[in-house]
Amino acid sequence: KLPYSIRILLESAIRNCDNFQVTKEDVEKIIDWENTSTKQVEIPFKPARVLLQDFTGVPAVVDLACMRDAMNKLGSDSNKINPL
């Protein structure tokens, strides 16, 4: 009976609930969305996948590759640039 968007947020919060980045209180805020919707509350959202149109996906991959190259040139660990 929940709106589709609230179900997506709730499912993501439950799946990622680690009591560090996503807490039990975050899940409860989403469940009680009718009362918290009028307040300025922050809720975590960690999408499982991001869908991009063909012409927008390529620039995103190029940006990641450029950031990895820049990290290498700066002598840092390029593995820190990870889309996950």
C-alpha atoms as a PDB file:
ATOM      1  CA  LYS A   1       0.000   0.000   0.000  1.00  0.00           C
ATOM      2  CA  LEU A   2       3.052   2.272   0.025  1.00  0.00           C
ATOM      3  CA  PRO A   3       3.680   4.560  -2.942  1.00  0.00           C
ATOM      4  CA  TYR A   4       6.156   3.067  -5.389  1.00  0.00           C
ATOM      5  CA  SER A   5       8.875   5.669  -4.697  1.00  0.00           C
ATOM      6  CA  ILE A   6       8.640   5.069  -0.935  1.00  0.00           C
ATOM      7  CA  ARG A   7       8.910   1.302  -1.492  1.00  0.00           C
ATOM      8  CA  ILE A   8      12.114   1.815  -3.493  1.00  0.00           C
ATOM      9  CA  LEU A   9      13.619   3.997  -0.753  1.00  0.00           C
ATOM     10  CA  LEU A  10      12.536   1.557   1.958  1.00  0.00           C
ATOM     11  CA  GLU A  11      13.904  -1.478   0.119  1.00  0.00           C
ATOM     12  CA  SER A  12      17.249   0.270  -0.408  1.00  0.00           C
ATOM     13  CA  ALA A  13      17.451   1.319   3.243  1.00  0.00           C
ATOM     14  CA  ILE A  14      16.625  -2.171   4.529  1.00  0.00           C
ATOM     15  CA  ARG A  15      19.092  -3.818   2.146  1.00  0.00           C
ATOM     16  CA  ASN A  16      21.896  -1.449   3.192  1.00  0.00           C
ATOM     17  CA  CYS A  17      21.068  -1.144   6.900  1.00  0.00           C
ATOM     18  CA  ASP A  18      24.429  -1.490   8.647  1.00  0.00           C
ATOM     19  CA  ASN A  19      23.810   0.813  11.640  1.00  0.00           C
ATOM     20  CA  PHE A  20      26.629   3.030  10.349  1.00  0.00           C
ATOM     21  CA  GLN A  21      25.715   4.659   7.044  1.00  0.00           C
ATOM     22  CA  VAL A  22      22.116   3.460   7.153  1.00  0.00           C
ATOM     23  CA  THR A  23      20.577   3.068  10.593  1.00  0.00           C
ATOM     24  CA  LYS A  24      17.408   1.562  11.985  1.00  0.00           C
ATOM     25  CA  GLU A  25      16.172   5.117  12.593  1.00  0.00           C
ATOM     26  CA  ASP A  26      16.607   5.886   8.872  1.00  0.00           C
ATOM     27  CA  VAL A  27      14.417   2.899   8.017  1.00  0.00           C
ATOM     28  CA  GLU A  28      11.812   4.026  10.538  1.00  0.00           C
ATOM     29  CA  LYS A  29      11.761   7.556   9.029  1.00  0.00           C
ATOM     30  CA  ILE A  30      10.923   6.053   5.653  1.00  0.00           C
ATOM     31  CA  ILE A  31       8.254   3.761   7.100  1.00  0.00           C
ATOM     32  CA  ASP A  32       6.696   6.785   8.829  1.00  0.00           C
ATOM     33  CA  TRP A  33       6.929   8.829   5.631  1.00  0.00           C
ATOM     34  CA  GLU A  34       3.491  10.417   6.033  1.00  0.00           C
ATOM     35  CA  ASN A  35       4.566  12.131   9.260  1.00  0.00           C
ATOM     36  CA  THR A  36       8.141  12.918   8.231  1.00  0.00           C
ATOM     37  CA  SER A  37       7.303  14.198   4.738  1.00  0.00           C
ATOM     38  CA  THR A  38       6.450  17.649   6.088  1.00  0.00           C
ATOM     39  CA  LYS A  39       9.798  17.885   7.912  1.00  0.00           C
ATOM     40  CA  GLN A  40      13.288  18.368   6.550  1.00  0.00           C
ATOM     41  CA  VAL A  41      14.708  14.898   7.228  1.00  0.00           C
ATOM     42  CA  GLU A  42      17.632  13.329   5.495  1.00  0.00           C
ATOM     43  CA  ILE A  43      17.360   9.746   4.339  1.00  0.00           C
ATOM     44  CA  PRO A  44      20.112   7.632   2.815  1.00  0.00           C
ATOM     45  CA  PHE A  45      19.735   6.294  -0.697  1.00  0.00           C
ATOM     46  CA  LYS A  46      22.224   3.849  -2.157  1.00  0.00           C
ATOM     47  CA  PRO A  47      20.885   2.778  -5.544  1.00  0.00           C
ATOM     48  CA  ALA A  48      21.692  -0.748  -6.678  1.00  0.00           C
ATOM     49  CA  ARG A  49      22.148   0.385 -10.279  1.00  0.00           C
ATOM     50  CA  VAL A  50      22.036   3.533 -12.316  1.00  0.00           C
ATOM     51  CA  LEU A  51      20.544   3.492 -15.784  1.00  0.00           C
ATOM     52  CA  LEU A  52      21.842   6.027 -18.281  1.00  0.00           C
ATOM     53  CA  GLN A  53      20.925   6.751 -21.844  1.00  0.00           C
ATOM     54  CA  ASP A  54      23.536   5.589 -24.339  1.00  0.00           C
ATOM     55  CA  PHE A  55      24.862   9.075 -25.015  1.00  0.00           C
ATOM     56  CA  THR A  56      25.189   9.957 -21.303  1.00  0.00           C
ATOM     57  CA  GLY A  57      26.832   6.725 -20.190  1.00  0.00           C
ATOM     58  CA  VAL A  58      29.977   7.197 -22.284  1.00  0.00           C
ATOM     59  CA  PRO A  59      30.906  10.593 -20.760  1.00  0.00           C
ATOM     60  CA  ALA A  60      30.407   9.155 -17.272  1.00  0.00           C
ATOM     61  CA  VAL A  61      32.861   6.317 -18.014  1.00  0.00           C
ATOM     62  CA  VAL A  62      35.325   8.777 -19.573  1.00  0.00           C
ATOM     63  CA  ASP A  63      35.106  10.967 -16.449  1.00  0.00           C
ATOM     64  CA  LEU A  64      35.909   7.958 -14.255  1.00  0.00           C
ATOM     65  CA  ALA A  65      38.868   7.032 -16.465  1.00  0.00           C
ATOM     66  CA  CYS A  66      40.195  10.621 -16.348  1.00  0.00           C
ATOM     67  CA  MET A  67      39.875  10.720 -12.569  1.00  0.00           C
ATOM     68  CA  ARG A  68      41.787   7.433 -12.295  1.00  0.00           C
ATOM     69  CA  ASP A  69      44.561   8.821 -14.555  1.00  0.00           C
ATOM     70  CA  ALA A  70      44.741  11.985 -12.453  1.00  0.00           C
ATOM     71  CA  MET A  71      45.055   9.926  -9.274  1.00  0.00           C
ATOM     72  CA  ASN A  72      47.946   7.968 -10.837  1.00  0.00           C
ATOM     73  CA  LYS A  73      49.707  11.186 -11.893  1.00  0.00           C
ATOM     74  CA  LEU A  74      49.337  12.549  -8.364  1.00  0.00           C
ATOM     75  CA  GLY A  75      50.868   9.365  -6.958  1.00  0.00           C
ATOM     76  CA  SER A  76      47.693   8.228  -5.243  1.00  0.00           C
ATOM     77  CA  ASP A  77      45.792   4.960  -5.406  1.00  0.00           C
ATOM     78  CA  SER A  78      43.555   4.984  -8.486  1.00  0.00           C
ATOM     79  CA  ASN A  79      41.479   2.154  -6.969  1.00  0.00           C
ATOM     80  CA  LYS A  80      39.848   4.826  -4.792  1.00  0.00           C
ATOM     81  CA  ILE A  81      38.003   5.955  -7.937  1.00  0.00           C
ATOM     82  CA  ASN A  82      35.416   3.228  -7.988  1.00  0.00           C
ATOM     83  CA  PRO A  83      31.846   3.671  -9.187  1.00  0.00           C
ATOM     84  CA  LEU A  84      30.567   1.419  -6.402  1.00  0.00           C
END
